Each structure stands twice: as C-alpha cells, then as structure tokens.
Protein backbone atom coordinates (compact mmCIF):
# COMPACT_ATOMS: atom_id res chain seq x y z
CA MET A 1 140.00 84.38 -16.18
CA SER A 2 140.96 81.90 -18.91
CA LYS A 3 139.48 82.28 -22.38
CA LEU A 4 137.37 79.17 -21.90
CA GLY A 5 136.14 80.39 -18.49
CA ASP A 6 135.37 83.71 -20.02
CA LEU A 7 133.37 82.12 -22.76
CA GLY A 8 131.56 80.05 -20.25
CA ALA A 9 130.55 83.10 -18.35
CA LYS A 10 129.28 84.80 -21.49
CA LEU A 11 127.27 81.69 -22.50
CA TYR A 12 125.92 81.52 -18.93
CA ARG A 13 124.72 85.14 -18.98
CA GLY A 14 123.28 84.75 -22.51
CA GLU A 15 125.66 87.39 -24.01
CA VAL A 16 126.76 84.91 -26.72
CA GLY A 17 125.41 81.67 -27.97
CA TYR A 18 125.15 79.18 -30.82
CA ASP A 19 121.87 78.24 -32.37
CA PHE A 20 122.00 74.46 -31.63
CA VAL A 21 118.22 74.10 -31.85
CA GLY A 22 117.77 76.19 -34.96
CA LYS A 23 120.21 73.95 -36.84
CA ARG A 24 118.76 70.71 -35.41
CA PHE A 25 117.92 69.21 -38.79
CA LEU A 26 121.52 69.40 -39.67
CA TRP A 27 122.44 67.45 -36.54
CA TYR A 28 119.70 64.96 -37.15
CA GLY A 29 121.12 64.39 -40.62
CA VAL A 30 124.60 63.82 -39.39
CA SER A 31 123.33 61.41 -36.68
CA ILE A 32 121.27 59.51 -39.24
CA LEU A 33 124.25 59.18 -41.50
CA ILE A 34 126.47 57.91 -38.71
CA THR A 35 123.79 55.54 -37.47
CA ILE A 36 123.29 54.09 -41.00
CA THR A 37 127.00 53.53 -41.35
CA ALA A 38 127.07 51.76 -38.00
CA ILE A 39 124.18 49.54 -38.92
CA VAL A 40 125.64 48.74 -42.34
CA ALA A 41 129.04 47.88 -40.75
CA LEU A 42 127.17 45.63 -38.25
CA ALA A 43 125.23 43.90 -40.96
CA VAL A 44 128.20 43.39 -43.32
CA GLN A 45 131.10 42.74 -40.98
CA GLY A 46 129.34 41.69 -37.85
CA LEU A 47 130.84 41.67 -34.37
CA ASN A 48 134.03 39.89 -33.58
CA MET A 49 132.74 37.91 -30.56
CA GLY A 50 135.35 36.82 -28.03
CA ILE A 51 135.86 33.26 -26.82
CA GLU A 52 133.75 34.12 -23.75
CA PHE A 53 130.77 34.08 -26.19
CA LYS A 54 131.98 31.46 -28.70
CA GLY A 55 133.88 29.10 -26.44
CA GLY A 56 137.52 28.12 -26.66
CA ALA A 57 140.78 28.34 -24.75
CA VAL A 58 143.26 30.98 -23.61
CA PHE A 59 146.86 30.03 -22.97
CA THR A 60 149.05 32.46 -21.02
CA THR A 61 152.84 31.79 -21.28
CA PRO A 62 155.75 32.93 -19.25
CA LYS A 63 158.37 35.19 -20.88
CA THR A 64 159.54 33.90 -24.21
CA THR A 65 161.78 35.02 -27.13
CA VAL A 66 159.27 33.75 -29.73
CA SER A 67 157.65 36.51 -31.72
CA VAL A 68 153.90 37.11 -32.02
CA ALA A 69 153.89 36.07 -35.70
CA ALA A 70 155.73 32.79 -35.00
CA ALA A 71 153.47 32.02 -31.99
CA THR A 72 150.39 32.73 -34.03
CA GLU A 73 151.53 30.31 -36.76
CA ALA A 74 152.43 27.67 -34.19
CA ALA A 75 149.02 28.02 -32.34
CA GLU A 76 147.03 27.72 -35.57
CA LYS A 77 149.14 24.70 -36.73
CA VAL A 78 148.69 22.72 -33.46
CA SER A 79 145.00 23.52 -32.98
CA GLY A 80 143.62 23.78 -36.53
CA HIS A 81 141.78 26.95 -35.61
CA ASP A 82 142.40 30.66 -35.96
CA ALA A 83 144.43 32.08 -33.09
CA ILE A 84 144.94 35.60 -31.69
CA VAL A 85 148.21 36.20 -30.00
CA GLN A 86 149.03 39.33 -27.83
CA GLU A 87 152.33 40.18 -26.19
CA LEU A 88 151.98 40.95 -22.52
CA GLY A 89 153.89 43.53 -20.57
CA THR A 90 155.70 40.70 -18.78
CA GLY A 91 157.17 39.43 -22.00
CA GLY A 92 154.81 36.50 -22.13
CA LEU A 93 152.12 35.79 -24.58
CA ARG A 94 148.37 35.51 -24.42
CA ILE A 95 147.18 32.92 -27.01
CA GLN A 96 143.43 32.88 -27.67
CA ILE A 97 142.05 30.01 -29.77
CA SER A 98 138.27 29.92 -30.49
CA GLY A 99 136.24 26.78 -31.04
CA VAL A 100 138.71 24.45 -29.30
CA ASP A 101 137.18 21.43 -27.70
CA THR A 102 138.09 21.21 -23.98
CA GLY A 103 139.26 17.63 -24.50
CA ALA A 104 141.99 18.88 -26.90
CA ALA A 105 143.29 21.66 -24.63
CA THR A 106 145.87 19.40 -22.90
CA ASP A 107 147.39 18.24 -26.24
CA ILE A 108 147.48 21.78 -27.60
CA LYS A 109 149.08 23.01 -24.39
CA GLN A 110 151.82 20.32 -24.65
CA LYS A 111 152.58 21.16 -28.33
CA LEU A 112 152.66 24.94 -27.60
CA ALA A 113 155.15 24.40 -24.81
CA THR A 114 157.43 22.63 -27.25
CA ASP A 115 157.09 25.08 -30.08
CA LEU A 116 157.43 28.14 -27.80
CA LYS A 117 160.30 26.62 -25.89
CA VAL A 118 158.68 27.14 -22.46
CA ASP A 119 157.88 24.87 -19.55
CA GLN A 120 154.47 23.20 -19.98
CA ALA A 121 153.69 23.58 -16.27
CA ALA A 122 154.23 27.40 -16.63
CA ILE A 123 151.53 27.71 -19.19
CA ASN A 124 148.18 28.73 -17.79
CA ALA A 125 145.19 27.48 -19.65
CA ASP A 126 141.64 28.87 -19.27
CA LEU A 127 138.83 26.95 -20.92
CA VAL A 128 135.61 28.66 -21.66
CA GLY A 129 132.36 27.05 -22.78
CA PRO A 130 129.95 28.98 -25.10
CA SER A 131 127.09 28.51 -22.63
CA TRP A 132 128.82 30.87 -20.14
CA GLY A 133 129.06 33.63 -22.66
CA GLU A 134 125.37 33.18 -23.56
CA GLN A 135 124.44 33.56 -19.93
CA ILE A 136 126.58 36.86 -19.74
CA ALA A 137 124.82 38.10 -22.91
CA ASN A 138 121.37 37.38 -21.59
CA LYS A 139 122.06 39.05 -18.28
CA ALA A 140 123.52 42.14 -20.10
CA TRP A 141 120.40 42.40 -22.26
CA THR A 142 118.13 42.02 -19.17
CA GLY A 143 120.19 44.74 -17.25
CA LEU A 144 119.94 47.06 -20.29
CA GLY A 145 116.28 46.60 -20.53
CA ILE A 146 115.69 47.27 -16.85
CA PHE A 147 117.89 50.23 -17.06
CA MET A 148 116.00 51.77 -20.01
CA VAL A 149 112.66 51.17 -18.34
CA LEU A 150 113.78 52.89 -15.08
CA VAL A 151 115.29 55.78 -16.97
CA VAL A 152 112.08 56.42 -18.84
CA ILE A 153 109.96 56.18 -15.69
CA TYR A 154 112.31 58.52 -13.72
CA LEU A 155 112.56 61.20 -16.39
CA ALA A 156 108.88 61.13 -16.97
CA ILE A 157 108.23 61.76 -13.23
CA ALA A 158 111.07 64.25 -12.64
CA PHE A 159 110.59 66.14 -15.89
CA GLU A 160 107.98 64.97 -18.53
CA TRP A 161 107.35 62.20 -20.96
CA ARG A 162 108.79 64.09 -23.87
CA MET A 163 112.10 64.34 -22.18
CA ALA A 164 111.96 60.71 -21.27
CA VAL A 165 111.39 59.76 -24.97
CA ALA A 166 114.17 62.07 -26.15
CA ALA A 167 116.68 60.65 -23.57
CA LEU A 168 115.74 57.05 -24.53
CA ILE A 169 116.37 57.88 -28.23
CA ALA A 170 119.72 59.51 -27.33
CA LEU A 171 120.80 56.42 -25.41
CA ILE A 172 119.85 54.07 -28.32
CA HIS A 173 121.72 56.48 -30.61
CA ASP A 174 124.86 56.21 -28.45
CA LEU A 175 124.74 52.41 -28.19
CA THR A 176 124.22 51.96 -31.88
CA ILE A 177 127.22 54.09 -32.73
CA THR A 178 129.48 52.46 -30.26
CA VAL A 179 128.45 48.95 -31.48
CA GLY A 180 129.01 50.06 -35.10
CA VAL A 181 132.50 51.31 -34.28
CA TYR A 182 133.27 47.88 -32.84
CA ALA A 183 132.15 46.23 -36.07
CA LEU A 184 134.28 48.62 -38.11
CA VAL A 185 137.41 48.37 -36.03
CA GLY A 186 137.07 44.66 -35.41
CA PHE A 187 137.86 44.64 -31.74
CA GLU A 188 136.62 41.61 -29.84
CA VAL A 189 133.38 41.80 -27.89
CA THR A 190 134.04 40.45 -24.40
CA PRO A 191 132.39 40.88 -20.99
CA GLY A 192 134.67 43.96 -20.65
CA THR A 193 132.90 45.52 -23.60
CA VAL A 194 129.56 44.82 -22.10
CA ILE A 195 130.72 46.54 -18.90
CA GLY A 196 131.93 49.48 -20.94
CA LEU A 197 128.70 49.75 -22.85
CA LEU A 198 126.57 49.80 -19.66
CA THR A 199 128.87 52.35 -18.13
CA ILE A 200 128.55 54.88 -20.91
CA LEU A 201 124.78 54.96 -20.49
CA GLY A 202 125.28 56.66 -17.07
CA TYR A 203 127.66 59.28 -18.52
CA SER A 204 125.40 59.99 -21.50
CA LEU A 205 122.31 60.30 -19.21
CA TYR A 206 124.17 62.60 -16.90
CA ASP A 207 124.89 65.24 -19.55
CA THR A 208 121.32 64.99 -20.87
CA VAL A 209 119.72 65.46 -17.44
CA VAL A 210 121.97 68.54 -16.76
CA VAL A 211 120.57 70.20 -19.91
CA PHE A 212 117.03 69.03 -19.13
CA ASP A 213 117.25 70.47 -15.66
CA GLY A 214 118.19 73.82 -17.10
CA LEU A 215 115.34 73.65 -19.63
CA LYS A 216 112.76 72.74 -16.95
CA GLU A 217 113.75 75.66 -14.80
CA GLY A 218 113.89 78.14 -17.76
CA SER A 219 110.56 77.11 -19.16
CA LYS A 220 108.71 77.46 -15.86
CA ASP A 221 105.53 79.61 -16.50
CA ILE A 222 106.77 80.06 -20.01
CA THR A 223 103.23 80.82 -21.39
CA LYS A 224 103.02 83.88 -19.03
CA GLN A 225 105.79 85.76 -21.03
CA THR A 226 106.25 86.87 -24.63
CA ARG A 227 109.95 87.32 -24.72
CA TRP A 228 111.16 83.85 -25.91
CA THR A 229 109.76 80.82 -27.58
CA TYR A 230 110.20 77.35 -26.16
CA SER A 231 112.94 76.50 -28.67
CA GLU A 232 114.86 79.68 -27.71
CA ILE A 233 114.78 78.85 -24.09
CA ALA A 234 115.92 75.31 -24.91
CA ASN A 235 118.78 76.76 -26.81
CA ARG A 236 119.75 79.00 -23.90
CA SER A 237 119.79 75.95 -21.68
CA ILE A 238 122.20 74.16 -23.98
CA ASN A 239 124.48 77.17 -24.25
CA GLY A 240 124.33 77.70 -20.52
CA THR A 241 125.75 74.16 -19.82
CA LEU A 242 127.99 73.89 -22.91
CA VAL A 243 131.32 74.58 -21.27
CA ARG A 244 130.41 72.43 -18.38
CA SER A 245 129.63 69.60 -20.72
CA ILE A 246 132.83 70.12 -22.76
CA ASN A 247 134.91 70.10 -19.51
CA THR A 248 133.23 67.04 -18.08
CA THR A 249 133.66 65.09 -21.38
CA VAL A 250 137.32 66.06 -21.83
CA VAL A 251 138.19 65.18 -18.29
CA ALA A 252 136.50 61.82 -18.60
CA LEU A 253 138.04 61.08 -22.10
CA LEU A 254 141.68 61.84 -21.07
CA PRO A 255 142.19 58.81 -18.78
CA VAL A 256 140.12 56.65 -21.13
CA ALA A 257 142.25 57.68 -24.08
CA ALA A 258 145.35 56.80 -22.04
CA LEU A 259 143.93 53.35 -21.34
CA LEU A 260 143.06 52.82 -25.06
CA PHE A 261 146.16 54.11 -26.74
CA ILE A 262 148.88 53.51 -24.19
CA GLY A 263 147.56 50.61 -22.11
CA GLY A 264 145.97 48.85 -25.00
CA GLY A 265 148.10 49.91 -27.91
CA PHE A 266 151.62 49.88 -26.47
CA LEU A 267 151.30 47.44 -23.53
CA GLY A 268 149.04 45.11 -25.39
CA ALA A 269 146.54 44.70 -22.59
CA GLY A 270 143.55 43.03 -24.18
CA MET A 271 141.08 43.74 -21.37
CA LEU A 272 141.98 47.48 -21.48
CA ASN A 273 141.09 47.58 -25.16
CA ASP A 274 137.77 45.90 -24.54
CA ILE A 275 136.67 48.35 -21.91
CA SER A 276 138.36 51.55 -23.05
CA LEU A 277 137.28 51.61 -26.71
CA SER A 278 133.54 51.30 -25.72
CA LEU A 279 134.08 54.06 -23.06
CA PHE A 280 135.95 56.37 -25.43
CA VAL A 281 133.40 56.15 -28.29
CA GLY A 282 130.47 56.05 -25.89
CA LEU A 283 131.58 59.14 -23.97
CA ALA A 284 132.09 61.08 -27.10
CA ALA A 285 128.68 59.99 -28.57
CA GLY A 286 126.95 60.67 -25.30
CA ALA A 287 128.25 64.27 -25.16
CA TYR A 288 127.25 64.77 -28.77
CA SER A 289 123.68 63.33 -28.35
CA SER A 290 122.98 65.31 -25.13
CA ILE A 291 123.63 68.60 -27.01
CA PHE A 292 122.63 67.94 -30.59
CA ILE A 293 119.99 65.24 -30.29
CA ALA A 294 118.19 65.05 -26.94
CA THR A 295 117.28 68.62 -26.42
CA PRO A 296 116.28 69.42 -29.98
CA LEU A 297 114.07 66.34 -29.95
CA VAL A 298 112.28 67.61 -26.85
CA VAL A 299 111.75 70.93 -28.74
CA ASP A 300 110.24 69.09 -31.74
CA LEU A 301 107.82 67.24 -29.38
CA LYS A 302 107.05 70.23 -27.11
CA GLU A 303 106.29 72.70 -29.94
CA ARG A 304 103.57 70.45 -31.25
CA GLU A 305 101.46 71.47 -28.27
CA PRO A 306 98.71 74.16 -29.01
CA ALA A 307 99.98 76.28 -26.11
CA MET A 308 103.58 76.35 -27.39
CA LYS A 309 102.34 77.12 -30.97
CA ALA A 310 100.25 79.96 -29.62
CA LEU A 311 103.22 81.27 -27.59
CA LYS A 312 105.45 81.24 -30.64
CA LYS A 313 102.87 83.15 -32.53
CA ARG A 314 102.60 85.82 -29.79
CA VAL A 315 106.29 86.21 -29.55
CA LEU A 316 106.81 86.73 -33.18
CA ALA A 317 103.85 89.11 -33.45
CA LYS A 318 105.29 91.21 -30.60
CA ARG A 319 108.75 91.35 -32.22
CA ALA A 320 107.19 92.32 -35.53
CA ALA A 321 105.17 95.15 -33.77
CA ALA A 322 108.36 96.42 -32.13
CA ALA A 323 110.26 96.46 -35.37
CA ALA A 324 107.46 98.42 -37.00
CA LYS A 325 107.73 101.04 -34.27
CA GLY A 326 111.45 101.21 -34.65
CA GLU A 327 112.00 99.78 -31.11
CA SER A 328 114.61 97.24 -30.15
CA PRO A 329 113.19 93.96 -28.71
CA ASP A 330 114.68 94.74 -25.27
CA GLU A 331 113.04 98.21 -25.06
CA ALA A 332 109.67 96.67 -26.07
CA TYR A 333 109.84 93.94 -23.38
CA GLU A 334 111.00 96.39 -20.66
CA ALA A 335 108.07 98.76 -21.49
CA GLU A 336 105.39 96.21 -21.86
CA ASP A 337 106.38 93.23 -19.61
CA GLY A 338 108.17 94.99 -16.97
CA PRO A 339 111.49 94.11 -15.31
CA GLN A 340 110.03 91.19 -13.25
CA VAL A 341 108.94 89.20 -16.34
CA VAL A 342 112.20 90.01 -18.08
CA ALA A 343 114.12 88.75 -15.03
CA GLN A 344 112.01 85.61 -15.03
CA GLY A 345 112.84 84.95 -18.67
CA ARG A 346 116.52 85.43 -17.94
CA SER A 347 116.35 82.72 -15.33
CA GLY A 348 116.29 80.21 -18.14
CA ARG A 349 120.13 80.41 -18.30
CA ARG A 350 120.65 80.22 -14.61
CA ARG A 351 122.31 76.95 -13.32
C-alpha cells in the first residue's frame, strides 16, 4: 500500500488525525485575512471587464509576421482606444479594442489590414454591444441566486439548517476569493469567467456534502453516549474524508492547471485563461473551505445547543473521573458504556 493510502486508512480508522476543529479560530483568521485582501483588491483595482460587458470589437487576423507589440501600437493608433493583442496558435493575432463604435469598425479593419500587411477580407471582425454583456451578467446573477436558494433548501432538508448556513458561507467565501484573485491578477472577466465561477460552486459543494454526510452519520444518537463531544466527532469526519478530498482536488486541479499554464500561458488562448483561472482558484478555495471553514462553522453553531453543551460537560466529567482512578479513557468506556456504544461511536469515521 502506498504511503498516502496507508495514511488514509489510518485516518479512516481513527488511529491518527489532525485537530482541524480545535484550531478553527486559526483557520477563521486566515480566511478573514484572505477575504479582506480580496475585497480591498476589488475595491482598489476593480475588475477588468471584457468587451462582452463593455462593448467593442474583436479582430482576428490570419498568420502574420508582425509582433504583438507592433500590432498593439498599430491598433491603438488607428482606433484611439486601448487594445489587447494576443498571439494565436495559428500565428494570427486576436486584437481586442474596447469602446469602439460599431460604425468605425470597418475603417479600423481597413487600416489594420494595411498596417499588419494582411488581406482585409481575411480579417474576421466581431462587434459586441454593451447591452449583450449586461444581459449575460443579469442572467448570471439570477442563476447564482437560484442556485444558492436551492442549495440552502436541499441541505436544510437533507441535513439541518446549521449545515445549510455553513455551506452557504463557504460558497460565498470561495466566490469572494476567486473574484479577488481576478482583481489582483487583472485577467479579463468574460462569459467564460462566469461559467468557471458557476462551475466551482458544484465542486466546492461536493466536498462539503461529503464531510457533512460523515458528520451526520457519526453524530446519530450522539446524546446517548459519553465517549466524544460533537466537535470531536466532526473532527473525525473531516479526517476520515481528508485523503479522499485531497485526491479529488488534485485530480481536478491537474487538467485545469494544464489549461491555465500551458493552454493559456504558452498557446495564448484567451478563453482558456478566462475559464481555467476561475476553476483553478475556485477548486483550491473550495477544498480549503470544505475542510477548514464549513465543518468548523457547523460545530460552532451546533455546540450552542443546550443538549450539546450538556453532552460536552458529561464527556469531560467522565474523562476526569477516569483520570482520577488512573484508568485510560478506553478502559473506562469499555467498562461503563459497553462494546455496543463504543462501536456506535466508532461509526463516526465510517464512510
């Protein structure tokens, strides 16, 4: 068995574990710091909205020997606006000019053909009005709102309202970080970005539901035992699914990283950048929030209940009594609770 597989088995059986829940205030602090950084970046730098949202023109040329720098200078000169030029894998250029009036597009196309030494008929021109981008943005916000509402309703029914609230906070956390990274990096926000943002919500929710499912199973009839507190069972649920979450995230990140760094970086494929950056950041943030944010938040909400407070008091009192007698906790539980209750408590790490 591989080292990772062996570690996963030990985590699954509860032989080893990390106190994620016990250090939750550290994770909260890290998340708050990252979130504040993202919000400040968004407020100071703002988002670099693509022409799909601002309106403008995109000219795609055939293969040319003109460099990107020279093409950028020529496009800005003939249009009077800032231009973004990308070299395509075919050897052609993608010239994006925001704020261009549709009536001036033909004149710009003619001048670009002359400056870039290509046939005017071979240049493809796509004109985008700002109203189209506004419609896309409104539909994206509507879809996001509907998704959030459905998620809260489903989790409240399948699990409980505390888990629904924690999952919603984790999703907002992931979106905020991803949008903040876009503001810091300066990548354009395009419809591809919106698709990527909506996609990561599913990945983030998947990891969270896996942990919640283990927590629901492990905390069944929790008040009938005195072996573990709710927070300890929650921590066992996280550890029991830790390797699975890591494997799932790594497998998902590898192809996305290839799209981002190879497809977007070396091949200059703009749409790949738009989708892959949001996926890459969102997947990483989703895995983090599922482990370090969502479940600890459930613990904080759950342990406010009188029943959970009473349980914690009984568990600690029993451990103190066992320590006073010089007994180990396992011996005390075996003697007083019996093997059936002990086995029930161990089911908290079963997947």
